[in-house]
């Protein structure tokens, strides 16, 4: 699975997906666009502590199902809440 912000090196620490942020990621922001994909398609943005709510709210405002999890936890599906 490709994680944006994960960097090119296998040993590099994942970084936040927020534009201009280079902080270490601590959360997965799991989401999907229901107009294009079914619930089994999960996209992942990475978030630092500061941008976790910003990225969640950005997607939620567009009516995308979104679920925030700790960085080490993955999800198989994202359902509308």
PDB file of N, CA and C in Angstrom:
ATOM      1  N   UNK A   1       0.844  -1.171   0.000  1.00  0.00           N
ATOM      2  CA  UNK A   1       0.000   0.000   0.000  1.00  0.00           C
ATOM      3  C   UNK A   1       0.888   1.233   0.000  1.00  0.00           C
ATOM      4  N   UNK A   2       0.575   2.190  -0.841  1.00  0.00           N
ATOM      5  CA  UNK A   2       1.300   3.452  -0.900  1.00  0.00           C
ATOM      6  C   UNK A   2       0.736   4.410   0.131  1.00  0.00           C
ATOM      7  N   UNK A   3       1.598   4.985   0.940  1.00  0.00           N
ATOM      8  CA  UNK A   3       1.175   5.979   1.918  1.00  0.00           C
ATOM      9  C   UNK A   3       1.801   7.315   1.561  1.00  0.00           C
ATOM     10  N   UNK A   4       0.976   8.313   1.196  1.00  0.00           N
ATOM     11  CA  UNK A   4       1.532   9.625   0.896  1.00  0.00           C
ATOM     12  C   UNK A   4       2.301  10.151   2.097  1.00  0.00           C
ATOM     13  N   UNK A   5       3.429  10.747   1.828  1.00  0.00           N
ATOM     14  CA  UNK A   5       4.224  11.299   2.911  1.00  0.00           C
ATOM     15  C   UNK A   5       5.139  10.284   3.566  1.00  0.00           C
ATOM     16  N   UNK A   6       5.069   9.030   3.106  1.00  0.00           N
ATOM     17  CA  UNK A   6       5.885   7.995   3.726  1.00  0.00           C
ATOM     18  C   UNK A   6       7.346   8.102   3.309  1.00  0.00           C
ATOM     19  N   UNK A   7       7.624   8.886   2.296  1.00  0.00           N
ATOM     20  CA  UNK A   7       9.000   9.058   1.863  1.00  0.00           C
ATOM     21  C   UNK A   7       9.444   7.926   0.966  1.00  0.00           C
ATOM     22  N   UNK A   8      10.560   8.106   0.307  1.00  0.00           N
ATOM     23  CA  UNK A   8      11.042   7.112  -0.626  1.00  0.00           C
ATOM     24  C   UNK A   8      11.842   5.994   0.006  1.00  0.00           C
ATOM     25  N   UNK A   9      12.434   6.239   1.152  1.00  0.00           N
ATOM     26  CA  UNK A   9      13.252   5.227   1.806  1.00  0.00           C
ATOM     27  C   UNK A   9      12.404   4.345   2.702  1.00  0.00           C
ATOM     28  N   UNK A  10      12.732   3.063   2.712  1.00  0.00           N
ATOM     29  CA  UNK A  10      12.016   2.142   3.592  1.00  0.00           C
ATOM     30  C   UNK A  10      12.262   2.503   5.054  1.00  0.00           C
ATOM     31  N   UNK A  11      13.392   3.136   5.358  1.00  0.00           N
ATOM     32  CA  UNK A  11      13.721   3.479   6.727  1.00  0.00           C
ATOM     33  C   UNK A  11      13.294   4.874   7.144  1.00  0.00           C
ATOM     34  N   UNK A  12      12.740   5.666   6.224  1.00  0.00           N
ATOM     35  CA  UNK A  12      12.359   7.028   6.584  1.00  0.00           C
ATOM     36  C   UNK A  12      11.041   7.041   7.353  1.00  0.00           C
ATOM     37  N   UNK A  13      10.928   7.967   8.288  1.00  0.00           N
ATOM     38  CA  UNK A  13       9.713   8.079   9.105  1.00  0.00           C
ATOM     39  C   UNK A  13       8.598   8.719   8.285  1.00  0.00           C
ATOM     40  N   UNK A  14       7.372   8.220   8.410  1.00  0.00           N
ATOM     41  CA  UNK A  14       6.247   8.814   7.687  1.00  0.00           C
ATOM     42  C   UNK A  14       5.983  10.240   8.168  1.00  0.00           C
ATOM     43  N   UNK A  15       5.645  11.115   7.237  1.00  0.00           N
ATOM     44  CA  UNK A  15       5.378  12.512   7.575  1.00  0.00           C
ATOM     45  C   UNK A  15       3.939  12.881   7.253  1.00  0.00           C
ATOM     46  N   UNK A  16       3.486  13.933   7.864  1.00  0.00           N
ATOM     47  CA  UNK A  16       2.127  14.434   7.714  1.00  0.00           C
ATOM     48  C   UNK A  16       1.834  14.772   6.250  1.00  0.00           C
ATOM     49  N   UNK A  17       0.607  14.482   5.818  1.00  0.00           N
ATOM     50  CA  UNK A  17       0.192  14.738   4.437  1.00  0.00           C
ATOM     51  C   UNK A  17      -0.260  16.179   4.202  1.00  0.00           C
ATOM     52  N   UNK A  18      -0.426  16.972   5.250  1.00  0.00           N
ATOM     53  CA  UNK A  18      -0.848  18.365   5.107  1.00  0.00           C
ATOM     54  C   UNK A  18       0.225  19.114   4.342  1.00  0.00           C
ATOM     55  N   UNK A  19      -0.182  19.886   3.336  1.00  0.00           N
ATOM     56  CA  UNK A  19       0.759  20.639   2.510  1.00  0.00           C
ATOM     57  C   UNK A  19       1.665  21.503   3.385  1.00  0.00           C
ATOM     58  N   UNK A  20       2.962  21.404   3.146  1.00  0.00           N
ATOM     59  CA  UNK A  20       3.934  22.212   3.852  1.00  0.00           C
ATOM     60  C   UNK A  20       4.351  21.692   5.216  1.00  0.00           C
ATOM     61  N   UNK A  21       3.747  20.619   5.671  1.00  0.00           N
ATOM     62  CA  UNK A  21       4.084  20.077   6.994  1.00  0.00           C
ATOM     63  C   UNK A  21       5.109  18.954   6.841  1.00  0.00           C
ATOM     64  N   UNK A  22       6.124  18.983   7.670  1.00  0.00           N
ATOM     65  CA  UNK A  22       7.141  17.926   7.625  1.00  0.00           C
ATOM     66  C   UNK A  22       7.249  17.203   8.966  1.00  0.00           C
ATOM     67  N   UNK A  23       6.236  17.368   9.807  1.00  0.00           N
ATOM     68  CA  UNK A  23       6.241  16.701  11.112  1.00  0.00           C
ATOM     69  C   UNK A  23       5.965  15.210  10.963  1.00  0.00           C
ATOM     70  N   UNK A  24       6.369  14.473  11.969  1.00  0.00           N
ATOM     71  CA  UNK A  24       6.137  13.026  11.973  1.00  0.00           C
ATOM     72  C   UNK A  24       4.644  12.735  12.067  1.00  0.00           C
ATOM     73  N   UNK A  25       4.198  11.790  11.265  1.00  0.00           N
ATOM     74  CA  UNK A  25       2.797  11.374  11.298  1.00  0.00           C
ATOM     75  C   UNK A  25       2.552  10.478  12.503  1.00  0.00           C
ATOM     76  N   UNK A  26       1.396  10.659  13.140  1.00  0.00           N
ATOM     77  CA  UNK A  26       1.007   9.822  14.272  1.00  0.00           C
ATOM     78  C   UNK A  26      -0.369   9.199  14.068  1.00  0.00           C
ATOM     79  N   UNK A  27      -1.059   9.607  12.995  1.00  0.00           N
ATOM     80  CA  UNK A  27      -2.401   9.101  12.712  1.00  0.00           C
ATOM     81  C   UNK A  27      -2.568   8.779  11.235  1.00  0.00           C
ATOM     82  N   UNK A  28      -3.447   7.817  10.954  1.00  0.00           N
ATOM     83  CA  UNK A  28      -3.956   7.574   9.604  1.00  0.00           C
ATOM     84  C   UNK A  28      -5.314   8.253   9.513  1.00  0.00           C
ATOM     85  N   UNK A  29      -5.527   9.010   8.459  1.00  0.00           N
ATOM     86  CA  UNK A  29      -6.850   9.554   8.170  1.00  0.00           C
ATOM     87  C   UNK A  29      -7.366   8.715   7.007  1.00  0.00           C
ATOM     88  N   UNK A  30      -8.210   7.740   7.318  1.00  0.00           N
ATOM     89  CA  UNK A  30      -8.733   6.782   6.343  1.00  0.00           C
ATOM     90  C   UNK A  30     -10.018   7.349   5.757  1.00  0.00           C
ATOM     91  N   UNK A  31     -10.126   7.364   4.437  1.00  0.00           N
ATOM     92  CA  UNK A  31     -11.289   7.970   3.812  1.00  0.00           C
ATOM     93  C   UNK A  31     -11.539   7.378   2.441  1.00  0.00           C
ATOM     94  N   UNK A  32     -12.696   7.744   1.873  1.00  0.00           N
ATOM     95  CA  UNK A  32     -13.005   7.366   0.492  1.00  0.00           C
ATOM     96  C   UNK A  32     -13.986   8.369  -0.085  1.00  0.00           C
ATOM     97  N   UNK A  33     -14.019   8.426  -1.400  1.00  0.00           N
ATOM     98  CA  UNK A  33     -14.997   9.251  -2.107  1.00  0.00           C
ATOM     99  C   UNK A  33     -16.119   8.320  -2.545  1.00  0.00           C
ATOM    100  N   UNK A  34     -17.291   8.382  -1.894  1.00  0.00           N
ATOM    101  CA  UNK A  34     -18.366   7.434  -2.195  1.00  0.00           C
ATOM    102  C   UNK A  34     -18.969   7.595  -3.587  1.00  0.00           C
ATOM    103  N   UNK A  35     -18.721   8.718  -4.236  1.00  0.00           N
ATOM    104  CA  UNK A  35     -19.228   8.913  -5.603  1.00  0.00           C
ATOM    105  C   UNK A  35     -18.415   8.106  -6.616  1.00  0.00           C
ATOM    106  N   UNK A  36     -17.217   7.711  -6.205  1.00  0.00           N
ATOM    107  CA  UNK A  36     -16.309   7.002  -7.110  1.00  0.00           C
ATOM    108  C   UNK A  36     -16.054   5.566  -6.665  1.00  0.00           C
ATOM    109  N   UNK A  37     -15.914   5.345  -5.353  1.00  0.00           N
ATOM    110  CA  UNK A  37     -15.495   4.041  -4.836  1.00  0.00           C
ATOM    111  C   UNK A  37     -16.479   3.475  -3.828  1.00  0.00           C
ATOM    112  N   UNK A  38     -16.525   2.141  -3.764  1.00  0.00           N
ATOM    113  CA  UNK A  38     -17.320   1.436  -2.763  1.00  0.00           C
ATOM    114  C   UNK A  38     -16.611   1.443  -1.421  1.00  0.00           C
ATOM    115  N   UNK A  39     -17.275   0.910  -0.387  1.00  0.00           N
ATOM    116  CA  UNK A  39     -16.714   0.954   0.970  1.00  0.00           C
ATOM    117  C   UNK A  39     -15.414   0.174   1.147  1.00  0.00           C
ATOM    118  N   UNK A  40     -15.107  -0.732   0.229  1.00  0.00           N
ATOM    119  CA  UNK A  40     -13.870  -1.509   0.360  1.00  0.00           C
ATOM    120  C   UNK A  40     -12.637  -0.722  -0.090  1.00  0.00           C
ATOM    121  N   UNK A  41     -12.815   0.400  -0.779  1.00  0.00           N
ATOM    122  CA  UNK A  41     -11.694   1.223  -1.248  1.00  0.00           C
ATOM    123  C   UNK A  41     -11.364   2.254  -0.176  1.00  0.00           C
ATOM    124  N   UNK A  42     -10.188   2.139   0.413  1.00  0.00           N
ATOM    125  CA  UNK A  42      -9.776   3.052   1.480  1.00  0.00           C
ATOM    126  C   UNK A  42      -8.539   3.821   1.037  1.00  0.00           C
ATOM    127  N   UNK A  43      -8.617   5.136   1.100  1.00  0.00           N
ATOM    128  CA  UNK A  43      -7.456   5.986   0.859  1.00  0.00           C
ATOM    129  C   UNK A  43      -6.934   6.422   2.221  1.00  0.00           C
ATOM    130  N   UNK A  44      -5.648   6.693   2.301  1.00  0.00           N
ATOM    131  CA  UNK A  44      -5.047   7.045   3.586  1.00  0.00           C
ATOM    132  C   UNK A  44      -4.200   8.303   3.435  1.00  0.00           C
ATOM    133  N   UNK A  45      -4.503   9.285   4.255  1.00  0.00           N
ATOM    134  CA  UNK A  45      -3.628  10.435   4.446  1.00  0.00           C
ATOM    135  C   UNK A  45      -2.992  10.262   5.812  1.00  0.00           C
ATOM    136  N   UNK A  46      -1.788  10.744   5.962  1.00  0.00           N
ATOM    137  CA  UNK A  46      -1.102  10.685   7.249  1.00  0.00           C
ATOM    138  C   UNK A  46      -1.205  12.048   7.923  1.00  0.00           C
ATOM    139  N   UNK A  47      -1.342  12.044   9.239  1.00  0.00           N
ATOM    140  CA  UNK A  47      -1.509  13.305   9.964  1.00  0.00           C
ATOM    141  C   UNK A  47      -0.639  13.348  11.209  1.00  0.00           C
ATOM    142  N   UNK A  48      -0.092  14.526  11.471  1.00  0.00           N
ATOM    143  CA  UNK A  48       0.585  14.773  12.738  1.00  0.00           C
ATOM    144  C   UNK A  48      -0.486  15.184  13.752  1.00  0.00           C
ATOM    145  N   UNK A  49      -0.090  15.344  15.008  1.00  0.00           N
ATOM    146  CA  UNK A  49      -1.050  15.730  16.047  1.00  0.00           C
ATOM    147  C   UNK A  49      -1.745  17.052  15.707  1.00  0.00           C
ATOM    148  N   UNK A  50      -0.986  18.003  15.175  1.00  0.00           N
ATOM    149  CA  UNK A  50      -1.535  19.330  14.883  1.00  0.00           C
ATOM    150  C   UNK A  50      -2.563  19.313  13.752  1.00  0.00           C
ATOM    151  N   UNK A  51      -2.369  18.479  12.738  1.00  0.00           N
ATOM    152  CA  UNK A  51      -3.234  18.513  11.557  1.00  0.00           C
ATOM    153  C   UNK A  51      -4.278  17.404  11.502  1.00  0.00           C
ATOM    154  N   UNK A  52      -4.337  16.574  12.514  1.00  0.00           N
ATOM    155  CA  UNK A  52      -5.323  15.478  12.550  1.00  0.00           C
ATOM    156  C   UNK A  52      -6.745  15.997  12.337  1.00  0.00           C
ATOM    157  N   UNK A  53      -7.169  16.952  13.140  1.00  0.00           N
ATOM    158  CA  UNK A  53      -8.536  17.474  13.040  1.00  0.00           C
ATOM    159  C   UNK A  53      -8.758  18.229  11.733  1.00  0.00           C
ATOM    160  N   UNK A  54      -7.754  18.980  11.282  1.00  0.00           N
ATOM    161  CA  UNK A  54      -7.884  19.725  10.030  1.00  0.00           C
ATOM    162  C   UNK A  54      -8.171  18.784   8.862  1.00  0.00           C
ATOM    163  N   UNK A  55      -7.379  17.722   8.736  1.00  0.00           N
ATOM    164  CA  UNK A  55      -7.566  16.790   7.625  1.00  0.00           C
ATOM    165  C   UNK A  55      -8.892  16.047   7.750  1.00  0.00           C
ATOM    166  N   UNK A  56      -9.262  15.629   8.949  1.00  0.00           N
ATOM    167  CA  UNK A  56     -10.558  14.977   9.168  1.00  0.00           C
ATOM    168  C   UNK A  56     -11.691  15.913   8.765  1.00  0.00           C
ATOM    169  N   UNK A  57     -11.666  17.144   9.255  1.00  0.00           N
ATOM    170  CA  UNK A  57     -12.750  18.092   8.987  1.00  0.00           C
ATOM    171  C   UNK A  57     -12.843  18.454   7.510  1.00  0.00           C
ATOM    172  N   UNK A  58     -11.706  18.552   6.829  1.00  0.00           N
ATOM    173  CA  UNK A  58     -11.680  18.842   5.393  1.00  0.00           C
ATOM    174  C   UNK A  58     -12.462  17.776   4.625  1.00  0.00           C
ATOM    175  N   UNK A  59     -12.220  16.515   4.932  1.00  0.00           N
ATOM    176  CA  UNK A  59     -12.895  15.412   4.248  1.00  0.00           C
ATOM    177  C   UNK A  59     -14.351  15.290   4.684  1.00  0.00           C
ATOM    178  N   UNK A  60     -14.604  15.446   5.965  1.00  0.00           N
ATOM    179  CA  UNK A  60     -15.967  15.342   6.498  1.00  0.00           C
ATOM    180  C   UNK A  60     -16.873  16.431   5.910  1.00  0.00           C
ATOM    181  N   UNK A  61     -16.357  17.625   5.715  1.00  0.00           N
ATOM    182  CA  UNK A  61     -17.131  18.727   5.137  1.00  0.00           C
ATOM    183  C   UNK A  61     -17.566  18.424   3.706  1.00  0.00           C
ATOM    184  N   UNK A  62     -16.866  17.536   3.039  1.00  0.00           N
ATOM    185  CA  UNK A  62     -17.206  17.139   1.669  1.00  0.00           C
ATOM    186  C   UNK A  62     -18.056  15.869   1.643  1.00  0.00           C
ATOM    187  N   UNK A  63     -18.552  15.474   2.804  1.00  0.00           N
ATOM    188  CA  UNK A  63     -19.398  14.282   2.953  1.00  0.00           C
ATOM    189  C   UNK A  63     -18.690  12.990   2.588  1.00  0.00           C
ATOM    190  N   UNK A  64     -17.363  12.958   2.745  1.00  0.00           N
ATOM    191  CA  UNK A  64     -16.617  11.724   2.537  1.00  0.00           C
ATOM    192  C   UNK A  64     -16.598  10.952   3.851  1.00  0.00           C
ATOM    193  N   UNK A  65     -16.868   9.651   3.818  1.00  0.00           N
ATOM    194  CA  UNK A  65     -16.686   8.856   5.036  1.00  0.00           C
ATOM    195  C   UNK A  65     -15.212   8.918   5.449  1.00  0.00           C
ATOM    196  N   UNK A  66     -14.976   9.171   6.715  1.00  0.00           N
ATOM    197  CA  UNK A  66     -13.606   9.326   7.205  1.00  0.00           C
ATOM    198  C   UNK A  66     -13.504   8.716   8.600  1.00  0.00           C
ATOM    199  N   UNK A  67     -12.382   8.073   8.853  1.00  0.00           N
ATOM    200  CA  UNK A  67     -12.117   7.462  10.161  1.00  0.00           C
ATOM    201  C   UNK A  67     -10.642   7.652  10.482  1.00  0.00           C
ATOM    202  N   UNK A  68     -10.364   8.225  11.630  1.00  0.00           N
ATOM    203  CA  UNK A  68      -8.988   8.459  12.066  1.00  0.00           C
ATOM    204  C   UNK A  68      -8.571   7.328  12.997  1.00  0.00           C
ATOM    205  N   UNK A  69      -7.395   6.773  12.732  1.00  0.00           N
ATOM    206  CA  UNK A  69      -6.855   5.688  13.548  1.00  0.00           C
ATOM    207  C   UNK A  69      -5.395   5.983  13.880  1.00  0.00           C
ATOM    208  N   UNK A  70      -4.863   5.328  14.909  1.00  0.00           N
ATOM    209  CA  UNK A  70      -3.425   5.457  15.172  1.00  0.00           C
ATOM    210  C   UNK A  70      -2.627   4.996  13.947  1.00  0.00           C
ATOM    211  N   UNK A  71      -1.441   5.508  13.802  1.00  0.00           N
ATOM    212  CA  UNK A  71      -0.611   5.225  12.630  1.00  0.00           C
ATOM    213  C   UNK A  71      -0.430   3.734  12.375  1.00  0.00           C
ATOM    214  N   UNK A  72      -0.272   2.947  13.410  1.00  0.00           N
ATOM    215  CA  UNK A  72      -0.012   1.512  13.249  1.00  0.00           C
ATOM    216  C   UNK A  72      -1.262   0.695  12.929  1.00  0.00           C
ATOM    217  N   UNK A  73      -2.442   1.303  13.001  1.00  0.00           N
ATOM    218  CA  UNK A  73      -3.696   0.573  12.789  1.00  0.00           C
ATOM    219  C   UNK A  73      -4.239   0.841  11.388  1.00  0.00           C
ATOM    220  N   UNK A  74      -4.553  -0.231  10.659  1.00  0.00           N
ATOM    221  CA  UNK A  74      -5.145  -0.072   9.332  1.00  0.00           C
ATOM    222  C   UNK A  74      -6.600  -0.526   9.370  1.00  0.00           C
ATOM    223  N   UNK A  75      -7.377  -0.071   8.410  1.00  0.00           N
ATOM    224  CA  UNK A  75      -8.786  -0.455   8.319  1.00  0.00           C
ATOM    225  C   UNK A  75      -9.057  -1.043   6.939  1.00  0.00           C
ATOM    226  N   UNK A  76     -10.054  -1.926   6.865  1.00  0.00           N
ATOM    227  CA  UNK A  76     -10.421  -2.554   5.601  1.00  0.00           C
ATOM    228  C   UNK A  76     -11.503  -1.782   4.861  1.00  0.00           C
ATOM    229  N   UNK A  77     -12.328  -1.044   5.613  1.00  0.00           N
ATOM    230  CA  UNK A  77     -13.461  -0.326   5.031  1.00  0.00           C
ATOM    231  C   UNK A  77     -13.671   0.983   5.784  1.00  0.00           C
ATOM    232  N   UNK A  78     -14.266   1.942   5.082  1.00  0.00           N
ATOM    233  CA  UNK A  78     -14.677   3.187   5.720  1.00  0.00           C
ATOM    234  C   UNK A  78     -16.139   3.399   5.363  1.00  0.00           C
ATOM    235  N   UNK A  79     -16.986   3.326   6.374  1.00  0.00           N
ATOM    236  CA  UNK A  79     -18.430   3.467   6.192  1.00  0.00           C
ATOM    237  C   UNK A  79     -18.868   4.870   6.594  1.00  0.00           C
ATOM    238  N   UNK A  80     -19.968   5.358   6.010  1.00  0.00           N
ATOM    239  CA  UNK A  80     -20.505   6.656   6.453  1.00  0.00           C
ATOM    240  C   UNK A  80     -20.903   6.583   7.923  1.00  0.00           C
ATOM    241  N   UNK A  81     -20.735   7.689   8.630  1.00  0.00           N
ATOM    242  CA  UNK A  81     -21.111   7.684  10.047  1.00  0.00           C
ATOM    243  C   UNK A  81     -22.519   8.176  10.269  1.00  0.00           C
TER     244      UNK A  81
END
